Amino acid sequence: MSSFLNTDGRHRTLEGWPLVFTTLTILAVLVGGTVEFLPLVLMETNRPTISTVTPYTPLELTGRDLYIREGCVSCHSQQIRPFRDEIERYGEYSKPGESIYDRPFLWGSKRTGPDLSRVGGKYPDLWHVLHLEDPRSTSPNSLMPPYNWLLSQDVNLDNLTAKMNGLRTLGTPYTDSDIEGAVQDAKAQASNIARTISASGGPQGLETKEIVAVIAYLQRMGTDLTKSQN
């Protein structure tokens, strides 16, 4: 092949067209990538689903954003691998369909703290308040820093409607009524959680604070799979 190209000068011609070669290479990559990607998006059979997995409630969605803002994903994974040691410590291994509405995914790649895929319902709401305010009060050997400002900062619900509209555009099945009543639903769920915390001997007046939204998200983790097994 080399001899053939040398004799008719074709290789020298190609060497003299770097922009053309670059353009053709980019086109080849784009076509190949599109052919591989489109079936994953357009074919329903390629999307693993679990019937009991539903979109996050408005308050859980807000808590998830706070979870991302505080960098929790840097120390806690949300992906239990199908290994015996992980299953015995954290619970049933993670299924693809569980995170179908996660945008972005928070699978993580590092565990300074434990995996949180199955933390929902594992501890009462008050435990999370104490743990976030002072991690050593519930886990003496914890390396986690305190997040006490979550108990004093008011949660921002102003962008909920726009956020849920954007997620619906991406495929999350929020209805018009879900979006229209988002703020009211978030406040109602926050009041229920705050009431549970105060009834357990915890601080009062948390229904407007960020910590309640974070707790709503934490208590949701892994519960969809539990429902599917019942």
C-alpha atoms as a PDB file:
ATOM      1  CA  MET A   1       0.000   0.000   0.000  1.00  0.00           C
ATOM      2  CA  SER A   2       2.821   2.374   0.933  1.00  0.00           C
ATOM      3  CA  SER A   3       4.565   1.667  -2.391  1.00  0.00           C
ATOM      4  CA  PHE A   4       1.337   2.260  -4.276  1.00  0.00           C
ATOM      5  CA  LEU A   5       0.762   5.632  -2.606  1.00  0.00           C
ATOM      6  CA  ASN A   6       4.368   6.674  -3.103  1.00  0.00           C
ATOM      7  CA  THR A   7       4.301   5.981  -6.822  1.00  0.00           C
ATOM      8  CA  ASP A   8       1.277   8.079  -7.653  1.00  0.00           C
ATOM      9  CA  GLY A   9       1.795  10.807  -5.038  1.00  0.00           C
ATOM     10  CA  ARG A  10      -1.537  10.316  -3.325  1.00  0.00           C
ATOM     11  CA  HIS A  11      -0.073  10.454   0.167  1.00  0.00           C
ATOM     12  CA  ARG A  12       1.563  13.798  -0.595  1.00  0.00           C
ATOM     13  CA  THR A  13      -1.770  15.105  -1.801  1.00  0.00           C
ATOM     14  CA  LEU A  14      -3.459  14.045   1.428  1.00  0.00           C
ATOM     15  CA  GLU A  15      -0.669  15.603   3.492  1.00  0.00           C
ATOM     16  CA  GLY A  16      -1.340  18.844   1.704  1.00  0.00           C
ATOM     17  CA  TRP A  17      -5.025  18.890   2.740  1.00  0.00           C
ATOM     18  CA  PRO A  18      -4.967  19.030   6.564  1.00  0.00           C
ATOM     19  CA  LEU A  19      -8.216  20.993   6.796  1.00  0.00           C
ATOM     20  CA  VAL A  20     -10.005  18.601   4.474  1.00  0.00           C
ATOM     21  CA  PHE A  21      -8.710  15.596   6.393  1.00  0.00           C
ATOM     22  CA  THR A  22      -9.724  17.171   9.716  1.00  0.00           C
ATOM     23  CA  THR A  23     -13.189  17.950   8.398  1.00  0.00           C
ATOM     24  CA  LEU A  24     -13.691  14.418   7.090  1.00  0.00           C
ATOM     25  CA  THR A  25     -12.517  12.974  10.402  1.00  0.00           C
ATOM     26  CA  ILE A  26     -14.957  15.138  12.385  1.00  0.00           C
ATOM     27  CA  LEU A  27     -17.798  14.141  10.066  1.00  0.00           C
ATOM     28  CA  ALA A  28     -16.941  10.467  10.488  1.00  0.00           C
ATOM     29  CA  VAL A  29     -16.946  10.803  14.281  1.00  0.00           C
ATOM     30  CA  LEU A  30     -20.237  12.726  14.267  1.00  0.00           C
ATOM     31  CA  VAL A  31     -21.953  10.195  12.011  1.00  0.00           C
ATOM     32  CA  GLY A  32     -20.680   7.245  14.043  1.00  0.00           C
ATOM     33  CA  GLY A  33     -21.635   8.884  17.331  1.00  0.00           C
ATOM     34  CA  THR A  34     -25.099   9.749  16.065  1.00  0.00           C
ATOM     35  CA  VAL A  35     -25.720   6.216  14.840  1.00  0.00           C
ATOM     36  CA  GLU A  36     -24.788   4.840  18.269  1.00  0.00           C
ATOM     37  CA  PHE A  37     -26.586   7.495  20.340  1.00  0.00           C
ATOM     38  CA  LEU A  38     -29.935   7.947  18.601  1.00  0.00           C
ATOM     39  CA  PRO A  39     -31.246   4.401  19.208  1.00  0.00           C
ATOM     40  CA  LEU A  40     -30.658   4.873  22.947  1.00  0.00           C
ATOM     41  CA  VAL A  41     -32.811   8.007  22.891  1.00  0.00           C
ATOM     42  CA  LEU A  42     -35.504   7.083  20.388  1.00  0.00           C
ATOM     43  CA  MET A  43     -36.172   3.423  21.220  1.00  0.00           C
ATOM     44  CA  GLU A  44     -38.237   2.915  24.385  1.00  0.00           C
ATOM     45  CA  THR A  45     -36.958  -0.654  24.730  1.00  0.00           C
ATOM     46  CA  ASN A  46     -33.471   0.729  25.304  1.00  0.00           C
ATOM     47  CA  ARG A  47     -34.607   2.650  28.376  1.00  0.00           C
ATOM     48  CA  PRO A  48     -34.649   0.436  31.474  1.00  0.00           C
ATOM     49  CA  THR A  49     -37.639   1.356  33.607  1.00  0.00           C
ATOM     50  CA  ILE A  50     -39.088   0.318  36.963  1.00  0.00           C
ATOM     51  CA  SER A  51     -42.820   0.861  37.296  1.00  0.00           C
ATOM     52  CA  THR A  52     -42.600   2.256  40.828  1.00  0.00           C
ATOM     53  CA  VAL A  53     -39.933   4.847  40.004  1.00  0.00           C
ATOM     54  CA  THR A  54     -41.567   8.272  39.828  1.00  0.00           C
ATOM     55  CA  PRO A  55     -40.153  11.785  39.346  1.00  0.00           C
ATOM     56  CA  TYR A  56     -38.939  13.695  42.384  1.00  0.00           C
ATOM     57  CA  THR A  57     -41.447  15.811  44.239  1.00  0.00           C
ATOM     58  CA  PRO A  58     -40.800  19.587  44.115  1.00  0.00           C
ATOM     59  CA  LEU A  59     -39.235  19.579  47.580  1.00  0.00           C
ATOM     60  CA  GLU A  60     -37.105  16.511  46.831  1.00  0.00           C
ATOM     61  CA  LEU A  61     -35.957  18.181  43.623  1.00  0.00           C
ATOM     62  CA  THR A  62     -34.982  21.279  45.582  1.00  0.00           C
ATOM     63  CA  GLY A  63     -33.141  19.166  48.130  1.00  0.00           C
ATOM     64  CA  ARG A  64     -31.277  17.396  45.358  1.00  0.00           C
ATOM     65  CA  ASP A  65     -30.035  20.728  44.037  1.00  0.00           C
ATOM     66  CA  LEU A  66     -28.834  21.643  47.521  1.00  0.00           C
ATOM     67  CA  TYR A  67     -27.122  18.253  47.770  1.00  0.00           C
ATOM     68  CA  ILE A  68     -25.273  19.099  44.561  1.00  0.00           C
ATOM     69  CA  ARG A  69     -24.524  22.661  45.698  1.00  0.00           C
ATOM     70  CA  GLU A  70     -22.908  21.461  48.912  1.00  0.00           C
ATOM     71  CA  GLY A  71     -20.703  18.974  47.065  1.00  0.00           C
ATOM     72  CA  CYS A  72     -22.096  15.881  48.778  1.00  0.00           C
ATOM     73  CA  VAL A  73     -21.511  13.834  45.633  1.00  0.00           C
ATOM     74  CA  SER A  74     -17.768  14.395  46.057  1.00  0.00           C
ATOM     75  CA  CYS A  75     -17.726  12.159  49.147  1.00  0.00           C
ATOM     76  CA  HIS A  76     -20.821   9.960  48.783  1.00  0.00           C
ATOM     77  CA  SER A  77     -21.591   7.702  45.854  1.00  0.00           C
ATOM     78  CA  GLN A  78     -25.077   6.663  44.792  1.00  0.00           C
ATOM     79  CA  GLN A  79     -24.143   3.460  43.056  1.00  0.00           C
ATOM     80  CA  ILE A  80     -23.991   0.082  44.767  1.00  0.00           C
ATOM     81  CA  ARG A  81     -22.056  -2.373  42.669  1.00  0.00           C
ATOM     82  CA  PRO A  82     -23.175  -6.033  42.443  1.00  0.00           C
ATOM     83  CA  PHE A  83     -20.444  -7.255  44.801  1.00  0.00           C
ATOM     84  CA  ARG A  84     -21.156  -9.181  47.984  1.00  0.00           C
ATOM     85  CA  ASP A  85     -19.312  -6.781  50.283  1.00  0.00           C
ATOM     86  CA  GLU A  86     -21.204  -3.787  48.941  1.00  0.00           C
ATOM     87  CA  ILE A  87     -24.598  -5.490  48.989  1.00  0.00           C
ATOM     88  CA  GLU A  88     -24.115  -6.657  52.584  1.00  0.00           C
ATOM     89  CA  ARG A  89     -23.086  -3.186  53.711  1.00  0.00           C
ATOM     90  CA  TYR A  90     -25.372  -0.931  51.675  1.00  0.00           C
ATOM     91  CA  GLY A  91     -28.232  -3.090  50.382  1.00  0.00           C
ATOM     92  CA  GLU A  92     -29.524  -4.255  47.005  1.00  0.00           C
ATOM     93  CA  TYR A  93     -27.277  -3.287  44.110  1.00  0.00           C
ATOM     94  CA  SER A  94     -28.302  -0.296  42.004  1.00  0.00           C
ATOM     95  CA  LYS A  95     -30.543  -0.774  38.970  1.00  0.00           C
ATOM     96  CA  PRO A  96     -30.316   1.462  35.858  1.00  0.00           C
ATOM     97  CA  GLY A  97     -34.034   2.203  35.974  1.00  0.00           C
ATOM     98  CA  GLU A  98     -33.753   3.779  39.422  1.00  0.00           C
ATOM     99  CA  SER A  99     -31.951   6.846  38.105  1.00  0.00           C
ATOM    100  CA  ILE A 100     -33.945   7.364  34.917  1.00  0.00           C
ATOM    101  CA  TYR A 101     -35.140  10.781  36.134  1.00  0.00           C
ATOM    102  CA  ASP A 102     -31.782  11.870  37.566  1.00  0.00           C
ATOM    103  CA  ARG A 103     -30.453  14.848  35.657  1.00  0.00           C
ATOM    104  CA  PRO A 104     -27.547  14.980  36.165  1.00  0.00           C
ATOM    105  CA  PHE A 105     -26.657  11.505  37.433  1.00  0.00           C
ATOM    106  CA  LEU A 106     -25.042  11.451  40.862  1.00  0.00           C
ATOM    107  CA  TRP A 107     -23.533   7.967  40.752  1.00  0.00           C
ATOM    108  CA  GLY A 108     -20.203   9.311  42.009  1.00  0.00           C
ATOM    109  CA  SER A 109     -16.752   7.804  41.841  1.00  0.00           C
ATOM    110  CA  LYS A 110     -15.416   8.278  45.388  1.00  0.00           C
ATOM    111  CA  ARG A 111     -16.484   7.221  48.869  1.00  0.00           C
ATOM    112  CA  THR A 112     -15.070   9.225  51.709  1.00  0.00           C
ATOM    113  CA  GLY A 113     -18.392   8.523  53.389  1.00  0.00           C
ATOM    114  CA  PRO A 114     -20.801   5.632  52.800  1.00  0.00           C
ATOM    115  CA  ASP A 115     -22.883   5.100  49.689  1.00  0.00           C
ATOM    116  CA  LEU A 116     -26.299   6.743  50.060  1.00  0.00           C
ATOM    117  CA  SER A 117     -28.323   4.815  47.480  1.00  0.00           C
ATOM    118  CA  ARG A 118     -30.419   3.118  50.172  1.00  0.00           C
ATOM    119  CA  VAL A 119     -30.319   5.753  52.919  1.00  0.00           C
ATOM    120  CA  GLY A 120     -34.007   6.632  52.493  1.00  0.00           C
ATOM    121  CA  GLY A 121     -35.953   5.552  55.584  1.00  0.00           C
ATOM    122  CA  LYS A 122     -32.857   4.173  57.290  1.00  0.00           C
ATOM    123  CA  TYR A 123     -32.794   6.967  59.861  1.00  0.00           C
ATOM    124  CA  PRO A 124     -35.543   9.246  61.229  1.00  0.00           C
ATOM    125  CA  ASP A 125     -35.748  12.861  60.074  1.00  0.00           C
ATOM    126  CA  LEU A 126     -34.331  14.144  63.361  1.00  0.00           C
ATOM    127  CA  TRP A 127     -31.212  11.997  62.931  1.00  0.00           C
ATOM    128  CA  HIS A 128     -30.472  13.805  59.665  1.00  0.00           C
ATOM    129  CA  VAL A 129     -30.919  17.178  61.356  1.00  0.00           C
ATOM    130  CA  LEU A 130     -28.424  16.254  64.061  1.00  0.00           C
ATOM    131  CA  HIS A 131     -26.020  14.664  61.597  1.00  0.00           C
ATOM    132  CA  LEU A 132     -25.974  17.635  59.228  1.00  0.00           C
ATOM    133  CA  GLU A 133     -25.674  20.114  62.087  1.00  0.00           C
ATOM    134  CA  ASP A 134     -22.852  18.170  63.791  1.00  0.00           C
ATOM    135  CA  PRO A 135     -21.836  14.863  62.154  1.00  0.00           C
ATOM    136  CA  ARG A 136     -19.890  13.732  65.230  1.00  0.00           C
ATOM    137  CA  SER A 137     -23.066  13.841  67.332  1.00  0.00           C
ATOM    138  CA  THR A 138     -24.423  10.813  65.477  1.00  0.00           C
ATOM    139  CA  SER A 139     -21.254   9.297  63.986  1.00  0.00           C
ATOM    140  CA  PRO A 140     -18.301   9.886  66.352  1.00  0.00           C
ATOM    141  CA  ASN A 141     -15.658   8.861  63.807  1.00  0.00           C
ATOM    142  CA  SER A 142     -17.114  10.838  60.916  1.00  0.00           C
ATOM    143  CA  LEU A 143     -14.811  13.030  58.814  1.00  0.00           C
ATOM    144  CA  MET A 144     -17.766  14.984  57.441  1.00  0.00           C
ATOM    145  CA  PRO A 145     -17.803  18.747  58.061  1.00  0.00           C
ATOM    146  CA  PRO A 146     -20.880  20.337  59.659  1.00  0.00           C
ATOM    147  CA  TYR A 147     -23.553  21.902  57.485  1.00  0.00           C
ATOM    148  CA  ASN A 148     -25.233  23.880  60.243  1.00  0.00           C
ATOM    149  CA  TRP A 149     -26.173  26.771  57.940  1.00  0.00           C
ATOM    150  CA  LEU A 150     -28.800  24.518  56.379  1.00  0.00           C
ATOM    151  CA  LEU A 151     -30.805  24.985  59.586  1.00  0.00           C
ATOM    152  CA  SER A 152     -30.808  28.777  59.296  1.00  0.00           C
ATOM    153  CA  GLN A 153     -30.908  29.546  55.565  1.00  0.00           C
ATOM    154  CA  ASP A 154     -34.335  29.880  53.960  1.00  0.00           C
ATOM    155  CA  VAL A 155     -35.009  27.527  51.067  1.00  0.00           C
ATOM    156  CA  ASN A 156     -35.561  29.192  47.692  1.00  0.00           C
ATOM    157  CA  LEU A 157     -38.591  27.865  45.820  1.00  0.00           C
ATOM    158  CA  ASP A 158     -38.821  30.709  43.283  1.00  0.00           C
ATOM    159  CA  ASN A 159     -37.342  28.738  40.380  1.00  0.00           C
ATOM    160  CA  LEU A 160     -39.283  25.511  40.883  1.00  0.00           C
ATOM    161  CA  THR A 161     -41.718  26.099  38.021  1.00  0.00           C
ATOM    162  CA  ALA A 162     -38.980  26.901  35.519  1.00  0.00           C
ATOM    163  CA  LYS A 163     -36.883  23.977  36.732  1.00  0.00           C
ATOM    164  CA  MET A 164     -39.702  21.465  36.369  1.00  0.00           C
ATOM    165  CA  ASN A 165     -40.626  22.841  32.945  1.00  0.00           C
ATOM    166  CA  GLY A 166     -37.039  22.324  31.855  1.00  0.00           C
ATOM    167  CA  LEU A 167     -36.992  18.771  33.158  1.00  0.00           C
ATOM    168  CA  ARG A 168     -40.266  18.032  31.387  1.00  0.00           C
ATOM    169  CA  THR A 169     -38.644  19.168  28.153  1.00  0.00           C
ATOM    170  CA  LEU A 170     -35.916  16.585  28.803  1.00  0.00           C
ATOM    171  CA  GLY A 171     -38.481  13.823  29.320  1.00  0.00           C
ATOM    172  CA  THR A 172     -39.442  13.878  32.993  1.00  0.00           C
ATOM    173  CA  PRO A 173     -43.223  13.275  33.009  1.00  0.00           C
ATOM    174  CA  TYR A 174     -44.347  16.243  35.093  1.00  0.00           C
ATOM    175  CA  THR A 175     -47.929  17.267  34.356  1.00  0.00           C
ATOM    176  CA  ASP A 176     -49.276  20.806  34.131  1.00  0.00           C
ATOM    177  CA  SER A 177     -50.888  20.403  37.545  1.00  0.00           C
ATOM    178  CA  ASP A 178     -47.599  19.143  39.014  1.00  0.00           C
ATOM    179  CA  ILE A 179     -45.857  22.272  37.813  1.00  0.00           C
ATOM    180  CA  GLU A 180     -48.618  24.712  38.691  1.00  0.00           C
ATOM    181  CA  GLY A 181     -48.853  23.396  42.247  1.00  0.00           C
ATOM    182  CA  ALA A 182     -45.117  22.879  42.757  1.00  0.00           C
ATOM    183  CA  VAL A 183     -44.566  25.587  45.370  1.00  0.00           C
ATOM    184  CA  GLN A 184     -47.651  24.617  47.376  1.00  0.00           C
ATOM    185  CA  ASP A 185     -46.696  20.929  47.258  1.00  0.00           C
ATOM    186  CA  ALA A 186     -43.150  21.726  48.373  1.00  0.00           C
ATOM    187  CA  LYS A 187     -44.383  23.810  51.302  1.00  0.00           C
ATOM    188  CA  ALA A 188     -46.840  21.095  52.354  1.00  0.00           C
ATOM    189  CA  GLN A 189     -44.157  18.385  52.339  1.00  0.00           C
ATOM    190  CA  ALA A 190     -41.752  20.693  54.177  1.00  0.00           C
ATOM    191  CA  SER A 191     -44.363  21.326  56.878  1.00  0.00           C
ATOM    192  CA  ASN A 192     -44.900  17.590  57.360  1.00  0.00           C
ATOM    193  CA  ILE A 193     -41.178  16.922  57.748  1.00  0.00           C
ATOM    194  CA  ALA A 194     -40.715  19.883  60.103  1.00  0.00           C
ATOM    195  CA  ARG A 195     -43.651  18.678  62.185  1.00  0.00           C
ATOM    196  CA  THR A 196     -42.115  15.219  62.475  1.00  0.00           C
ATOM    197  CA  ILE A 197     -38.799  16.716  63.569  1.00  0.00           C
ATOM    198  CA  SER A 198     -40.319  18.942  66.256  1.00  0.00           C
ATOM    199  CA  ALA A 199     -42.549  16.100  67.491  1.00  0.00           C
ATOM    200  CA  SER A 200     -39.405  13.985  67.960  1.00  0.00           C
ATOM    201  CA  GLY A 201     -37.854  16.589  70.231  1.00  0.00           C
ATOM    202  CA  GLY A 202     -35.913  18.432  67.536  1.00  0.00           C
ATOM    203  CA  PRO A 203     -35.823  22.148  66.738  1.00  0.00           C
ATOM    204  CA  GLN A 204     -38.987  23.909  65.673  1.00  0.00           C
ATOM    205  CA  GLY A 205     -39.608  26.276  62.777  1.00  0.00           C
ATOM    206  CA  LEU A 206     -37.613  24.360  60.133  1.00  0.00           C
ATOM    207  CA  GLU A 207     -40.396  24.254  57.531  1.00  0.00           C
ATOM    208  CA  THR A 208     -38.865  27.152  55.576  1.00  0.00           C
ATOM    209  CA  LYS A 209     -35.236  26.092  55.952  1.00  0.00           C
ATOM    210  CA  GLU A 210     -32.958  24.357  53.464  1.00  0.00           C
ATOM    211  CA  ILE A 211     -32.330  21.395  55.720  1.00  0.00           C
ATOM    212  CA  VAL A 212     -35.903  20.153  55.318  1.00  0.00           C
ATOM    213  CA  ALA A 213     -35.489  20.004  51.530  1.00  0.00           C
ATOM    214  CA  VAL A 214     -32.214  18.080  51.875  1.00  0.00           C
ATOM    215  CA  ILE A 215     -33.893  15.630  54.251  1.00  0.00           C
ATOM    216  CA  ALA A 216     -36.765  15.154  51.805  1.00  0.00           C
ATOM    217  CA  TYR A 217     -34.237  14.156  49.140  1.00  0.00           C
ATOM    218  CA  LEU A 218     -32.224  11.883  51.437  1.00  0.00           C
ATOM    219  CA  GLN A 219     -35.352  10.094  52.642  1.00  0.00           C
ATOM    220  CA  ARG A 220     -36.368   9.426  49.027  1.00  0.00           C
ATOM    221  CA  MET A 221     -33.163   7.611  48.060  1.00  0.00           C
ATOM    222  CA  GLY A 222     -33.725   3.925  47.380  1.00  0.00           C
ATOM    223  CA  THR A 223     -37.390   3.899  48.357  1.00  0.00           C
ATOM    224  CA  ASP A 224     -38.643   3.402  44.794  1.00  0.00           C
ATOM    225  CA  LEU A 225     -36.913   0.032  44.584  1.00  0.00           C
ATOM    226  CA  THR A 226     -38.322  -0.951  47.955  1.00  0.00           C
ATOM    227  CA  LYS A 227     -41.836  -0.224  46.680  1.00  0.00           C
ATOM    228  CA  SER A 228     -41.233  -2.366  43.595  1.00  0.00           C
ATOM    229  CA  GLN A 229     -40.315  -5.342  45.809  1.00  0.00           C
ATOM    230  CA  ASN A 230     -43.413  -5.104  48.013  1.00  0.00           C
END
